C-alpha cells in the first residue's frame, strides 16, 4: 500500500483583479471589486511507496508548496482526495500529526532567542515522547548532525546551515514515517548542502522514511531521489525515474576528449565546442550520434582519454517544463 496518495487534488483561490491604473482605479476598487479564480493545483495525482524518496519539481508558482501543505493538512483542497499512511491529512487527527513532519527551508519552528535544546524539550511535550526514547533519538540526531557544541547556543546566533540542521533535528524527534521537505537546502553554502544531503541519505537508509522533496538544487535531487514528479502550472507534466527522464529528454551528451597533441581546430563538425584548453576539448554532441562521432575522432587522431557525460539534470528538467511529457510544446494552464 502506498504511503502517500494524491487523487485528483485541486486547490483554487479567488484573486482580486484591478481594472486600470492610478488613484481612480484604486478608489473604484474599494466599492466594486472583481475577482478571478486561480488554480494553484489542478488535478494532481500520484503515489509514493513506503521508504521511497521522490523529488517534486517545478518552477516557482507551479503548485509544489500548495500540494505539500494539503498533504500535511495545513490547508483544505477545493476538491479531490489524499491519503498519507492511511489518514486523510486535513482531518488533522493527533495520530496523523505524530506520523509525519513538514520541513520548510524558509520557515522556522524553533524559538529564536532560546537554545535549540529548549525547543527540543517543547517538542517532546507536544508529541508526548517518553523520556528514555526522547533521549535516545535526541542523542542519535545530535551525533549524526554533529551538533553537540551548538544545542545550548541561542538559535539567533547560529549560521543558516546550523539552524537548518536544528530544524531537521526538531522535525525528526518524534520519528515520523513521512517527511515533506520543502526546499530544505535553500540559501545554504555548498558544504552545508552536502552535509544535509548526506544526513538525509543516511537517515533514509537506517529508518526507511518516506520523503517528498522539493528543491531547486539538482544536486539534492540527483543524490537523494531516483524518481521525479514534475509539476507546472498546477498540473503534473511528468512522473518517472530520473534515469529515464535523462534518457528521454537529454538529447545531447557532453564528450570530453584529451588528444595526445594540441586539439584540432575543426571539431565543430561534431557538435558545439563548449570549451577548449590545450589538448582537452569538451563538445556537446547529439545523443544518438555520440558513438559514431567517437569512432570518427579515434580514427582521425591519437587520443589519450575520452569521457562521456550526461547533460546536467537542470537542463533535462528545463526541457520537461518547455515541452511537457510527450516532447511536444507544453500546454500552459492557469498560473499557480
C-alpha atoms as a PDB file:
ATOM      1  CA  UNK A   1       0.000   0.000   0.000  1.00  0.00           C
ATOM      2  CA  UNK A   2       1.460   3.422  -0.942  1.00  0.00           C
ATOM      3  CA  UNK A   3       2.493   5.658   1.946  1.00  0.00           C
ATOM      4  CA  UNK A   4       1.304   8.832   0.173  1.00  0.00           C
ATOM      5  CA  UNK A   5      -1.540   9.069  -2.329  1.00  0.00           C
ATOM      6  CA  UNK A   6      -2.849  12.203  -4.036  1.00  0.00           C
ATOM      7  CA  UNK A   7      -6.025  11.667  -6.054  1.00  0.00           C
ATOM      8  CA  UNK A   8      -7.051  14.499  -8.385  1.00  0.00           C
ATOM      9  CA  UNK A   9      -6.212  17.227  -5.845  1.00  0.00           C
ATOM     10  CA  UNK A  10      -7.440  20.698  -6.766  1.00  0.00           C
ATOM     11  CA  UNK A  11      -6.889  23.956  -4.902  1.00  0.00           C
ATOM     12  CA  UNK A  12      -8.367  27.210  -6.152  1.00  0.00           C
ATOM     13  CA  UNK A  13      -8.186  30.752  -4.774  1.00  0.00           C
ATOM     14  CA  UNK A  14     -10.100  33.936  -5.507  1.00  0.00           C
ATOM     15  CA  UNK A  15      -7.763  36.731  -6.521  1.00  0.00           C
ATOM     16  CA  UNK A  16      -8.833  40.371  -6.842  1.00  0.00           C
ATOM     17  CA  UNK A  17      -8.432  41.895 -10.301  1.00  0.00           C
ATOM     18  CA  UNK A  18      -7.593  45.579 -10.529  1.00  0.00           C
ATOM     19  CA  UNK A  19      -9.014  47.435 -13.512  1.00  0.00           C
ATOM     20  CA  UNK A  20      -6.814  50.230 -14.792  1.00  0.00           C
ATOM     21  CA  UNK A  21      -4.025  52.214 -13.196  1.00  0.00           C
ATOM     22  CA  UNK A  22      -3.770  55.175 -10.865  1.00  0.00           C
ATOM     23  CA  UNK A  23      -5.721  56.590  -7.961  1.00  0.00           C
ATOM     24  CA  UNK A  24      -9.083  56.436  -9.728  1.00  0.00           C
ATOM     25  CA  UNK A  25      -8.846  52.715 -10.337  1.00  0.00           C
ATOM     26  CA  UNK A  26      -7.791  52.158  -6.736  1.00  0.00           C
ATOM     27  CA  UNK A  27     -10.774  54.198  -5.481  1.00  0.00           C
ATOM     28  CA  UNK A  28     -13.257  52.341  -7.683  1.00  0.00           C
ATOM     29  CA  UNK A  29     -11.847  49.065  -6.402  1.00  0.00           C
ATOM     30  CA  UNK A  30     -12.969  49.999  -2.887  1.00  0.00           C
ATOM     31  CA  UNK A  31     -16.624  49.813  -3.951  1.00  0.00           C
ATOM     32  CA  UNK A  32     -16.702  47.320  -6.794  1.00  0.00           C
ATOM     33  CA  UNK A  33     -14.172  44.528  -6.844  1.00  0.00           C
ATOM     34  CA  UNK A  34     -13.795  41.878  -9.493  1.00  0.00           C
ATOM     35  CA  UNK A  35     -12.267  38.501  -8.860  1.00  0.00           C
ATOM     36  CA  UNK A  36     -10.805  35.694 -10.896  1.00  0.00           C
ATOM     37  CA  UNK A  37     -10.272  32.060  -9.996  1.00  0.00           C
ATOM     38  CA  UNK A  38      -6.671  30.942  -9.734  1.00  0.00           C
ATOM     39  CA  UNK A  39      -5.966  27.221  -9.770  1.00  0.00           C
ATOM     40  CA  UNK A  40      -2.847  26.722  -7.697  1.00  0.00           C
ATOM     41  CA  UNK A  41      -3.189  22.933  -8.003  1.00  0.00           C
ATOM     42  CA  UNK A  42      -5.167  21.497 -10.890  1.00  0.00           C
ATOM     43  CA  UNK A  43      -5.926  17.762 -10.677  1.00  0.00           C
ATOM     44  CA  UNK A  44      -2.702  16.399  -9.166  1.00  0.00           C
ATOM     45  CA  UNK A  45      -2.495  12.610  -8.749  1.00  0.00           C
ATOM     46  CA  UNK A  46       0.457  10.428  -7.721  1.00  0.00           C
ATOM     47  CA  UNK A  47       1.516   7.743  -5.236  1.00  0.00           C
ATOM     48  CA  UNK A  48       4.703   7.321  -3.213  1.00  0.00           C
ATOM     49  CA  UNK A  49       5.709   3.909  -1.881  1.00  0.00           C
ATOM     50  CA  UNK A  50       6.980   3.348   1.704  1.00  0.00           C
ATOM     51  CA  UNK A  51      10.663   4.221   2.032  1.00  0.00           C
ATOM     52  CA  UNK A  52      10.761   5.996  -1.335  1.00  0.00           C
ATOM     53  CA  UNK A  53      12.351   9.441  -1.662  1.00  0.00           C
ATOM     54  CA  UNK A  54      10.708  11.276  -4.558  1.00  0.00           C
ATOM     55  CA  UNK A  55      11.634  14.666  -5.993  1.00  0.00           C
ATOM     56  CA  UNK A  56       8.687  17.032  -6.524  1.00  0.00           C
ATOM     57  CA  UNK A  57       9.961  19.571  -9.033  1.00  0.00           C
ATOM     58  CA  UNK A  58       8.647  22.647 -10.771  1.00  0.00           C
ATOM     59  CA  UNK A  59       9.293  26.353 -11.336  1.00  0.00           C
ATOM     60  CA  UNK A  60       8.261  28.986  -8.801  1.00  0.00           C
ATOM     61  CA  UNK A  61       4.483  29.141  -8.552  1.00  0.00           C
ATOM     62  CA  UNK A  62       3.976  25.674 -10.043  1.00  0.00           C
ATOM     63  CA  UNK A  63       1.941  24.397  -7.072  1.00  0.00           C
ATOM     64  CA  UNK A  64       4.565  22.379  -5.198  1.00  0.00           C
ATOM     65  CA  UNK A  65       4.251  24.001  -1.773  1.00  0.00           C
ATOM     66  CA  UNK A  66       0.452  24.154  -2.027  1.00  0.00           C
ATOM     67  CA  UNK A  67       0.383  20.402  -2.672  1.00  0.00           C
ATOM     68  CA  UNK A  68       2.671  19.703   0.285  1.00  0.00           C
ATOM     69  CA  UNK A  69       0.519  21.876   2.548  1.00  0.00           C
ATOM     70  CA  UNK A  70      -2.577  19.892   1.567  1.00  0.00           C
ATOM     71  CA  UNK A  71      -0.790  16.596   2.225  1.00  0.00           C
ATOM     72  CA  UNK A  72       0.354  17.954   5.596  1.00  0.00           C
ATOM     73  CA  UNK A  73      -3.199  19.005   6.454  1.00  0.00           C
ATOM     74  CA  UNK A  74      -2.388  22.721   6.711  1.00  0.00           C
ATOM     75  CA  UNK A  75      -4.938  23.685   4.068  1.00  0.00           C
ATOM     76  CA  UNK A  76      -8.070  22.068   2.673  1.00  0.00           C
ATOM     77  CA  UNK A  77      -8.313  21.101  -1.001  1.00  0.00           C
ATOM     78  CA  UNK A  78     -11.091  22.539  -3.145  1.00  0.00           C
ATOM     79  CA  UNK A  79     -11.717  19.014  -4.404  1.00  0.00           C
ATOM     80  CA  UNK A  80     -10.017  15.667  -4.646  1.00  0.00           C
ATOM     81  CA  UNK A  81      -8.722  13.193  -2.085  1.00  0.00           C
ATOM     82  CA  UNK A  82      -5.464  12.264  -0.395  1.00  0.00           C
ATOM     83  CA  UNK A  83      -4.194   9.623   1.964  1.00  0.00           C
ATOM     84  CA  UNK A  84      -0.974   9.641   3.976  1.00  0.00           C
ATOM     85  CA  UNK A  85      -0.264   6.437   5.919  1.00  0.00           C
ATOM     86  CA  UNK A  86      -3.992   5.706   5.687  1.00  0.00           C
ATOM     87  CA  UNK A  87      -5.004   9.081   7.179  1.00  0.00           C
ATOM     88  CA  UNK A  88      -6.894  11.918   5.500  1.00  0.00           C
ATOM     89  CA  UNK A  89      -4.475  14.815   6.143  1.00  0.00           C
ATOM     90  CA  UNK A  90      -6.980  17.653   6.586  1.00  0.00           C
ATOM     91  CA  UNK A  91      -8.860  15.731   9.286  1.00  0.00           C
ATOM     92  CA  UNK A  92      -5.788  16.647  11.393  1.00  0.00           C
ATOM     93  CA  UNK A  93      -6.018  13.802  13.882  1.00  0.00           C
ATOM     94  CA  UNK A  94      -3.361  13.701  16.587  1.00  0.00           C
ATOM     95  CA  UNK A  95      -2.340  10.224  15.475  1.00  0.00           C
ATOM     96  CA  UNK A  96      -1.593  11.530  11.989  1.00  0.00           C
ATOM     97  CA  UNK A  97       0.369  14.520  13.307  1.00  0.00           C
ATOM     98  CA  UNK A  98       2.679  12.119  15.129  1.00  0.00           C
ATOM     99  CA  UNK A  99       3.416  10.210  11.926  1.00  0.00           C
ATOM    100  CA  UNK A 100       4.707  12.940   9.590  1.00  0.00           C
ATOM    101  CA  UNK A 101       6.888  16.063   9.584  1.00  0.00           C
ATOM    102  CA  UNK A 102       6.969  19.116   7.321  1.00  0.00           C
ATOM    103  CA  UNK A 103      10.273  20.967   6.981  1.00  0.00           C
ATOM    104  CA  UNK A 104      10.217  24.254   5.099  1.00  0.00           C
ATOM    105  CA  UNK A 105      13.536  25.883   4.319  1.00  0.00           C
ATOM    106  CA  UNK A 106      12.096  29.388   4.627  1.00  0.00           C
ATOM    107  CA  UNK A 107      10.087  28.854   7.832  1.00  0.00           C
ATOM    108  CA  UNK A 108      11.340  28.471  11.405  1.00  0.00           C
ATOM    109  CA  UNK A 109       9.820  26.257  14.075  1.00  0.00           C
ATOM    110  CA  UNK A 110      12.451  26.932  16.760  1.00  0.00           C
ATOM    111  CA  UNK A 111      12.294  29.719  19.355  1.00  0.00           C
ATOM    112  CA  UNK A 112      14.645  32.418  18.094  1.00  0.00           C
ATOM    113  CA  UNK A 113      16.003  33.630  21.451  1.00  0.00           C
ATOM    114  CA  UNK A 114      16.255  30.228  23.166  1.00  0.00           C
ATOM    115  CA  UNK A 115      18.822  27.472  22.739  1.00  0.00           C
ATOM    116  CA  UNK A 116      17.623  24.739  20.383  1.00  0.00           C
ATOM    117  CA  UNK A 117      17.717  22.276  23.277  1.00  0.00           C
ATOM    118  CA  UNK A 118      14.763  24.104  24.880  1.00  0.00           C
ATOM    119  CA  UNK A 119      12.731  23.862  21.675  1.00  0.00           C
ATOM    120  CA  UNK A 120      13.539  20.156  21.523  1.00  0.00           C
ATOM    121  CA  UNK A 121      12.147  19.737  25.044  1.00  0.00           C
ATOM    122  CA  UNK A 122       8.994  21.557  23.978  1.00  0.00           C
ATOM    123  CA  UNK A 123       8.637  19.127  21.067  1.00  0.00           C
ATOM    124  CA  UNK A 124       8.943  16.228  23.500  1.00  0.00           C
ATOM    125  CA  UNK A 125       5.980  17.584  25.432  1.00  0.00           C
ATOM    126  CA  UNK A 126       3.925  18.337  22.313  1.00  0.00           C
ATOM    127  CA  UNK A 127       4.426  14.860  20.857  1.00  0.00           C
ATOM    128  CA  UNK A 128       4.353  13.155  24.278  1.00  0.00           C
ATOM    129  CA  UNK A 129       7.593  11.286  23.629  1.00  0.00           C
ATOM    130  CA  UNK A 130       8.641   9.055  26.550  1.00  0.00           C
ATOM    131  CA  UNK A 131      11.802  10.483  28.230  1.00  0.00           C
ATOM    132  CA  UNK A 132      14.014   7.449  27.543  1.00  0.00           C
ATOM    133  CA  UNK A 133      13.003   7.296  23.899  1.00  0.00           C
ATOM    134  CA  UNK A 134      13.410  11.048  23.502  1.00  0.00           C
ATOM    135  CA  UNK A 135      16.921  10.919  24.993  1.00  0.00           C
ATOM    136  CA  UNK A 136      17.951   8.096  22.637  1.00  0.00           C
ATOM    137  CA  UNK A 137      16.598   9.773  19.500  1.00  0.00           C
ATOM    138  CA  UNK A 138      17.893  13.196  20.560  1.00  0.00           C
ATOM    139  CA  UNK A 139      21.419  11.903  21.155  1.00  0.00           C
ATOM    140  CA  UNK A 140      21.408   9.956  17.874  1.00  0.00           C
ATOM    141  CA  UNK A 141      20.401  13.013  15.827  1.00  0.00           C
ATOM    142  CA  UNK A 142      22.832  15.305  17.640  1.00  0.00           C
ATOM    143  CA  UNK A 143      25.625  12.840  16.930  1.00  0.00           C
ATOM    144  CA  UNK A 144      24.686  12.314  13.259  1.00  0.00           C
ATOM    145  CA  UNK A 145      24.495  16.059  12.602  1.00  0.00           C
ATOM    146  CA  UNK A 146      27.451  16.928  14.856  1.00  0.00           C
ATOM    147  CA  UNK A 147      25.529  19.482  16.918  1.00  0.00           C
ATOM    148  CA  UNK A 148      26.741  18.748  20.449  1.00  0.00           C
ATOM    149  CA  UNK A 149      28.578  22.093  20.762  1.00  0.00           C
ATOM    150  CA  UNK A 150      25.667  24.104  19.318  1.00  0.00           C
ATOM    151  CA  UNK A 151      22.453  22.978  21.052  1.00  0.00           C
ATOM    152  CA  UNK A 152      22.971  25.298  24.028  1.00  0.00           C
ATOM    153  CA  UNK A 153      23.509  28.437  21.945  1.00  0.00           C
ATOM    154  CA  UNK A 154      20.539  30.724  21.152  1.00  0.00           C
ATOM    155  CA  UNK A 155      19.149  29.909  17.724  1.00  0.00           C
ATOM    156  CA  UNK A 156      19.636  33.532  16.551  1.00  0.00           C
ATOM    157  CA  UNK A 157      23.421  33.097  16.974  1.00  0.00           C
ATOM    158  CA  UNK A 158      23.609  30.092  14.650  1.00  0.00           C
ATOM    159  CA  UNK A 159      24.509  30.208  10.971  1.00  0.00           C
ATOM    160  CA  UNK A 160      21.826  29.367   8.400  1.00  0.00           C
ATOM    161  CA  UNK A 161      23.281  25.892   7.884  1.00  0.00           C
ATOM    162  CA  UNK A 162      23.413  25.234  11.623  1.00  0.00           C
ATOM    163  CA  UNK A 163      19.825  26.415  12.033  1.00  0.00           C
ATOM    164  CA  UNK A 164      18.660  24.122   9.246  1.00  0.00           C
ATOM    165  CA  UNK A 165      20.288  21.164  10.999  1.00  0.00           C
ATOM    166  CA  UNK A 166      18.445  22.126  14.185  1.00  0.00           C
ATOM    167  CA  UNK A 167      15.182  22.378  12.234  1.00  0.00           C
ATOM    168  CA  UNK A 168      15.691  18.861  10.875  1.00  0.00           C
ATOM    169  CA  UNK A 169      16.504  17.562  14.333  1.00  0.00           C
ATOM    170  CA  UNK A 170      13.295  19.075  15.740  1.00  0.00           C
ATOM    171  CA  UNK A 171      11.269  17.579  12.874  1.00  0.00           C
ATOM    172  CA  UNK A 172      12.668  14.079  13.430  1.00  0.00           C
ATOM    173  CA  UNK A 173      12.461  13.830  17.226  1.00  0.00           C
ATOM    174  CA  UNK A 174       9.103  12.049  17.048  1.00  0.00           C
ATOM    175  CA  UNK A 175      10.474   9.627  14.379  1.00  0.00           C
ATOM    176  CA  UNK A 176       7.978  10.457  11.613  1.00  0.00           C
ATOM    177  CA  UNK A 177       7.357   7.867   8.917  1.00  0.00           C
ATOM    178  CA  UNK A 178       6.770  10.503   6.229  1.00  0.00           C
ATOM    179  CA  UNK A 179       8.812  13.640   5.567  1.00  0.00           C
ATOM    180  CA  UNK A 180       7.664  16.559   3.438  1.00  0.00           C
ATOM    181  CA  UNK A 181      10.786  18.585   2.634  1.00  0.00           C
ATOM    182  CA  UNK A 182      10.180  21.968   1.014  1.00  0.00           C
ATOM    183  CA  UNK A 183      13.484  23.499  -0.115  1.00  0.00           C
ATOM    184  CA  UNK A 184      15.458  22.220   2.904  1.00  0.00           C
ATOM    185  CA  UNK A 185      18.817  23.417   1.497  1.00  0.00           C
ATOM    186  CA  UNK A 186      17.732  26.832   0.197  1.00  0.00           C
ATOM    187  CA  UNK A 187      20.296  29.547   0.888  1.00  0.00           C
ATOM    188  CA  UNK A 188      22.898  27.151   2.286  1.00  0.00           C
ATOM    189  CA  UNK A 189      26.502  27.093   1.129  1.00  0.00           C
ATOM    190  CA  UNK A 190      27.750  24.041  -0.777  1.00  0.00           C
ATOM    191  CA  UNK A 191      29.335  22.473   2.323  1.00  0.00           C
ATOM    192  CA  UNK A 192      26.142  22.750   4.386  1.00  0.00           C
ATOM    193  CA  UNK A 193      24.091  21.427   1.465  1.00  0.00           C
ATOM    194  CA  UNK A 194      26.350  18.386   1.156  1.00  0.00           C
ATOM    195  CA  UNK A 195      26.163  17.714   4.899  1.00  0.00           C
ATOM    196  CA  UNK A 196      22.349  17.825   4.897  1.00  0.00           C
ATOM    197  CA  UNK A 197      22.167  15.560   1.841  1.00  0.00           C
ATOM    198  CA  UNK A 198      24.492  13.029   3.465  1.00  0.00           C
ATOM    199  CA  UNK A 199      22.408  13.102   6.629  1.00  0.00           C
ATOM    200  CA  UNK A 200      19.102  12.620   4.801  1.00  0.00           C
ATOM    201  CA  UNK A 201      20.539   9.779   2.754  1.00  0.00           C
ATOM    202  CA  UNK A 202      21.820   8.010   5.874  1.00  0.00           C
ATOM    203  CA  UNK A 203      18.600   8.667   7.791  1.00  0.00           C
ATOM    204  CA  UNK A 204      16.527   7.204   4.963  1.00  0.00           C
ATOM    205  CA  UNK A 205      18.792   4.137   4.838  1.00  0.00           C
ATOM    206  CA  UNK A 206      18.540   3.450   8.576  1.00  0.00           C
ATOM    207  CA  UNK A 207      14.895   4.446   9.196  1.00  0.00           C
ATOM    208  CA  UNK A 208      13.241   3.756   5.803  1.00  0.00           C
ATOM    209  CA  UNK A 209      11.425   7.084   5.941  1.00  0.00           C
ATOM    210  CA  UNK A 210       9.214   8.103   3.013  1.00  0.00           C
ATOM    211  CA  UNK A 211      10.049  11.558   1.659  1.00  0.00           C
ATOM    212  CA  UNK A 212       8.673  14.026  -0.860  1.00  0.00           C
ATOM    213  CA  UNK A 213      11.344  16.624  -1.651  1.00  0.00           C
ATOM    214  CA  UNK A 214      11.052  19.959  -3.419  1.00  0.00           C
ATOM    215  CA  UNK A 215      14.302  21.665  -4.349  1.00  0.00           C
ATOM    216  CA  UNK A 216      15.775  23.965  -6.981  1.00  0.00           C
ATOM    217  CA  UNK A 217      19.204  22.433  -6.358  1.00  0.00           C
ATOM    218  CA  UNK A 218      19.584  19.475  -8.691  1.00  0.00           C
ATOM    219  CA  UNK A 219      22.398  18.030  -6.571  1.00  0.00           C
ATOM    220  CA  UNK A 220      19.775  17.377  -3.884  1.00  0.00           C
ATOM    221  CA  UNK A 221      17.613  15.549  -6.401  1.00  0.00           C
ATOM    222  CA  UNK A 222      20.406  13.532  -8.017  1.00  0.00           C
ATOM    223  CA  UNK A 223      21.854  12.297  -4.739  1.00  0.00           C
ATOM    224  CA  UNK A 224      18.637  11.613  -2.809  1.00  0.00           C
ATOM    225  CA  UNK A 225      16.000  10.560  -5.329  1.00  0.00           C
ATOM    226  CA  UNK A 226      15.604   8.013  -8.109  1.00  0.00           C
ATOM    227  CA  UNK A 227      12.234   9.319  -9.269  1.00  0.00           C
ATOM    228  CA  UNK A 228      10.902  12.781 -10.087  1.00  0.00           C
ATOM    229  CA  UNK A 229       7.386  14.172 -10.309  1.00  0.00           C
ATOM    230  CA  UNK A 230       7.432  17.366 -12.375  1.00  0.00           C
ATOM    231  CA  UNK A 231       4.619  19.898 -11.934  1.00  0.00           C
ATOM    232  CA  UNK A 232       3.977  23.052 -13.928  1.00  0.00           C
ATOM    233  CA  UNK A 233       1.007  25.446 -13.790  1.00  0.00           C
ATOM    234  CA  UNK A 234      -0.585  23.227 -11.141  1.00  0.00           C
ATOM    235  CA  UNK A 235      -0.543  20.087 -13.294  1.00  0.00           C
ATOM    236  CA  UNK A 236       1.774  17.110 -13.328  1.00  0.00           C
ATOM    237  CA  UNK A 237       3.647  17.026 -16.621  1.00  0.00           C
ATOM    238  CA  UNK A 238       5.954  14.106 -15.880  1.00  0.00           C
ATOM    239  CA  UNK A 239       6.353  11.291 -13.335  1.00  0.00           C
ATOM    240  CA  UNK A 240       9.169   8.823 -13.940  1.00  0.00           C
ATOM    241  CA  UNK A 241      12.617   7.628 -12.945  1.00  0.00           C
ATOM    242  CA  UNK A 242      15.392  10.198 -13.242  1.00  0.00           C
ATOM    243  CA  UNK A 243      17.418   7.831 -15.409  1.00  0.00           C
ATOM    244  CA  UNK A 244      14.501   7.518 -17.853  1.00  0.00           C
ATOM    245  CA  UNK A 245      13.987  11.286 -17.849  1.00  0.00           C
ATOM    246  CA  UNK A 246      17.611  11.845 -18.755  1.00  0.00           C
ATOM    247  CA  UNK A 247      17.419   9.221 -21.483  1.00  0.00           C
ATOM    248  CA  UNK A 248      14.263  10.699 -22.998  1.00  0.00           C
ATOM    249  CA  UNK A 249      14.842  14.439 -22.648  1.00  0.00           C
ATOM    250  CA  UNK A 250      18.629  14.634 -22.556  1.00  0.00           C
ATOM    251  CA  UNK A 251      19.046  14.813 -26.310  1.00  0.00           C
ATOM    252  CA  UNK A 252      22.739  15.581 -26.002  1.00  0.00           C
ATOM    253  CA  UNK A 253      25.804  14.241 -24.250  1.00  0.00           C
ATOM    254  CA  UNK A 254      28.970  16.035 -23.200  1.00  0.00           C
ATOM    255  CA  UNK A 255      32.078  14.399 -24.667  1.00  0.00           C
ATOM    256  CA  UNK A 256      35.425  15.300 -23.108  1.00  0.00           C
ATOM    257  CA  UNK A 257      38.408  14.369 -25.277  1.00  0.00           C
ATOM    258  CA  UNK A 258      42.074  14.619 -24.351  1.00  0.00           C
ATOM    259  CA  UNK A 259      44.186  14.498 -27.505  1.00  0.00           C
ATOM    260  CA  UNK A 260      47.788  13.332 -27.494  1.00  0.00           C
ATOM    261  CA  UNK A 261      48.767  16.625 -29.106  1.00  0.00           C
ATOM    262  CA  UNK A 262      47.139  20.049 -29.468  1.00  0.00           C
ATOM    263  CA  UNK A 263      43.392  19.750 -30.093  1.00  0.00           C
ATOM    264  CA  UNK A 264      42.368  20.083 -33.785  1.00  0.00           C
ATOM    265  CA  UNK A 265      40.591  23.240 -34.947  1.00  0.00           C
ATOM    266  CA  UNK A 266      37.746  21.667 -36.936  1.00  0.00           C
ATOM    267  CA  UNK A 267      35.810  19.893 -34.168  1.00  0.00           C
ATOM    268  CA  UNK A 268      32.620  21.946 -34.669  1.00  0.00           C
ATOM    269  CA  UNK A 269      31.563  19.335 -37.217  1.00  0.00           C
ATOM    270  CA  UNK A 270      30.742  17.049 -34.278  1.00  0.00           C
ATOM    271  CA  UNK A 271      28.641  19.475 -32.252  1.00  0.00           C
ATOM    272  CA  UNK A 272      29.030  22.559 -30.086  1.00  0.00           C
ATOM    273  CA  UNK A 273      32.503  23.065 -28.627  1.00  0.00           C
ATOM    274  CA  UNK A 274      31.871  24.077 -25.002  1.00  0.00           C
ATOM    275  CA  UNK A 275      35.476  24.800 -24.059  1.00  0.00           C
ATOM    276  CA  UNK A 276      38.985  24.139 -25.293  1.00  0.00           C
ATOM    277  CA  UNK A 277      42.089  24.050 -23.079  1.00  0.00           C
ATOM    278  CA  UNK A 278      45.231  22.909 -24.842  1.00  0.00           C
ATOM    279  CA  UNK A 279      44.758  19.250 -25.768  1.00  0.00           C
ATOM    280  CA  UNK A 280      41.454  18.929 -23.847  1.00  0.00           C
ATOM    281  CA  UNK A 281      38.121  19.759 -25.522  1.00  0.00           C
ATOM    282  CA  UNK A 282      34.518  19.392 -24.336  1.00  0.00           C
ATOM    283  CA  UNK A 283      31.857  19.007 -27.042  1.00  0.00           C
ATOM    284  CA  UNK A 284      28.075  18.837 -26.782  1.00  0.00           C
ATOM    285  CA  UNK A 285      27.050  16.078 -29.210  1.00  0.00           C
ATOM    286  CA  UNK A 286      23.648  14.655 -30.230  1.00  0.00           C
ATOM    287  CA  UNK A 287      22.968  11.594 -28.057  1.00  0.00           C
ATOM    288  CA  UNK A 288      22.138   9.321 -30.999  1.00  0.00           C
ATOM    289  CA  UNK A 289      25.375  10.201 -32.821  1.00  0.00           C
ATOM    290  CA  UNK A 290      27.812  10.027 -29.895  1.00  0.00           C
ATOM    291  CA  UNK A 291      29.147   6.541 -30.731  1.00  0.00           C
ATOM    292  CA  UNK A 292      29.738   7.316 -34.431  1.00  0.00           C
ATOM    293  CA  UNK A 293      31.353  10.664 -33.541  1.00  0.00           C
ATOM    294  CA  UNK A 294      33.789   8.999 -31.142  1.00  0.00           C
ATOM    295  CA  UNK A 295      34.612   6.346 -33.724  1.00  0.00           C
ATOM    296  CA  UNK A 296      35.444   9.042 -36.275  1.00  0.00           C
ATOM    297  CA  UNK A 297      37.553  11.026 -33.791  1.00  0.00           C
ATOM    298  CA  UNK A 298      39.537   7.954 -32.779  1.00  0.00           C
ATOM    299  CA  UNK A 299      40.076   7.083 -36.426  1.00  0.00           C
ATOM    300  CA  UNK A 300      41.412  10.543 -37.276  1.00  0.00           C
ATOM    301  CA  UNK A 301      43.558  11.481 -34.258  1.00  0.00           C
ATOM    302  CA  UNK A 302      45.558   9.988 -31.423  1.00  0.00           C
ATOM    303  CA  UNK A 303      43.535  10.302 -28.219  1.00  0.00           C
ATOM    304  CA  UNK A 304      44.795   9.795 -24.660  1.00  0.00           C
ATOM    305  CA  UNK A 305      41.459   9.824 -22.850  1.00  0.00           C
ATOM    306  CA  UNK A 306      37.716  10.086 -23.507  1.00  0.00           C
ATOM    307  CA  UNK A 307      34.865  10.773 -21.050  1.00  0.00           C
ATOM    308  CA  UNK A 308      31.158  10.827 -21.916  1.00  0.00           C
ATOM    309  CA  UNK A 309      28.822  12.678 -19.517  1.00  0.00           C
ATOM    310  CA  UNK A 310      25.070  13.133 -19.445  1.00  0.00           C
ATOM    311  CA  UNK A 311      23.606  16.611 -19.843  1.00  0.00           C
ATOM    312  CA  UNK A 312      23.141  18.245 -16.386  1.00  0.00           C
ATOM    313  CA  UNK A 313      19.816  17.409 -14.760  1.00  0.00           C
ATOM    314  CA  UNK A 314      18.932  21.135 -14.647  1.00  0.00           C
ATOM    315  CA  UNK A 315      18.797  21.183 -18.445  1.00  0.00           C
ATOM    316  CA  UNK A 316      16.757  17.978 -18.583  1.00  0.00           C
ATOM    317  CA  UNK A 317      14.123  19.338 -16.170  1.00  0.00           C
ATOM    318  CA  UNK A 318      14.027  22.660 -18.030  1.00  0.00           C
ATOM    319  CA  UNK A 319      13.318  20.708 -21.219  1.00  0.00           C
ATOM    320  CA  UNK A 320      10.427  18.936 -19.480  1.00  0.00           C
ATOM    321  CA  UNK A 321       9.000  22.328 -18.453  1.00  0.00           C
ATOM    322  CA  UNK A 322       9.208  23.546 -22.039  1.00  0.00           C
ATOM    323  CA  UNK A 323       7.854  20.510 -23.860  1.00  0.00           C
ATOM    324  CA  UNK A 324       5.657  18.536 -21.460  1.00  0.00           C
ATOM    325  CA  UNK A 325       5.724  14.742 -21.061  1.00  0.00           C
ATOM    326  CA  UNK A 326       5.376  13.866 -24.747  1.00  0.00           C
ATOM    327  CA  UNK A 327       8.161  16.113 -26.004  1.00  0.00           C
ATOM    328  CA  UNK A 328       5.642  18.411 -27.697  1.00  0.00           C
ATOM    329  CA  UNK A 329       5.284  22.046 -26.536  1.00  0.00           C
ATOM    330  CA  UNK A 330       3.689  22.093 -23.104  1.00  0.00           C
ATOM    331  CA  UNK A 331       0.132  23.356 -22.695  1.00  0.00           C
ATOM    332  CA  UNK A 332       0.002  26.396 -20.456  1.00  0.00           C
ATOM    333  CA  UNK A 333      -2.765  26.336 -17.864  1.00  0.00           C
ATOM    334  CA  UNK A 334      -3.711  28.716 -15.078  1.00  0.00           C
ATOM    335  CA  UNK A 335      -0.721  30.003 -13.166  1.00  0.00           C
ATOM    336  CA  UNK A 336      -0.396  28.992  -9.522  1.00  0.00           C
END
